[in-house]
Amino acid sequence: MGSTTELVDRYVAVWNEPDPELRGKIIRELWTEDGAQILQPPREMAEEASRLGFSSILRARGHDELEVRVARAHEEFVVGGRFLFRRRGESARLLDVVKFSWEMVSARSGEVAGVGVEILLLDVDGRIRLDYQFIEG
């Protein structure tokens, strides 16, 4: 798969990718077939889910669900030139675990609009088995 920095940069780039076919190809290269993203939703969403008696943990498992997840985030935040995602600071790797931060910035001003942390668990080939996403602001 390459270096940790390359993995993280490819991961972040997939959220900005405008071409759905290329996005799908990158997802299939980055994640294992049954790979999953487990998302801690924003506080407001978690509180509303809890109020309704639902779990506030969101999951996308497998390439098809991951494609939908990335496409929806792309449509909501990136389309129309509103925001871009980029790596924030350095990444760290310990055996099969990668940790890094990202930020969502205004495409016009570069002002930070949101930040998050990813914890990736990799398989022996360096592909993502589990992707834990924590949105921090």
Foldseek 3Di string as FASTA:
>chain_A
DDDPVVLVQLVQVLLQDPDLVVSLVSLPVAAPQFAKEKEQDPPVQCVVCVVVVHHRIDMQTGSVSVSVVSVVSCVVAPPPQAWGKDWDDDWDDDVQKIKTKMFIAGSPPRHTDWMKMWIFGADPVNHGRYIYIYTDD
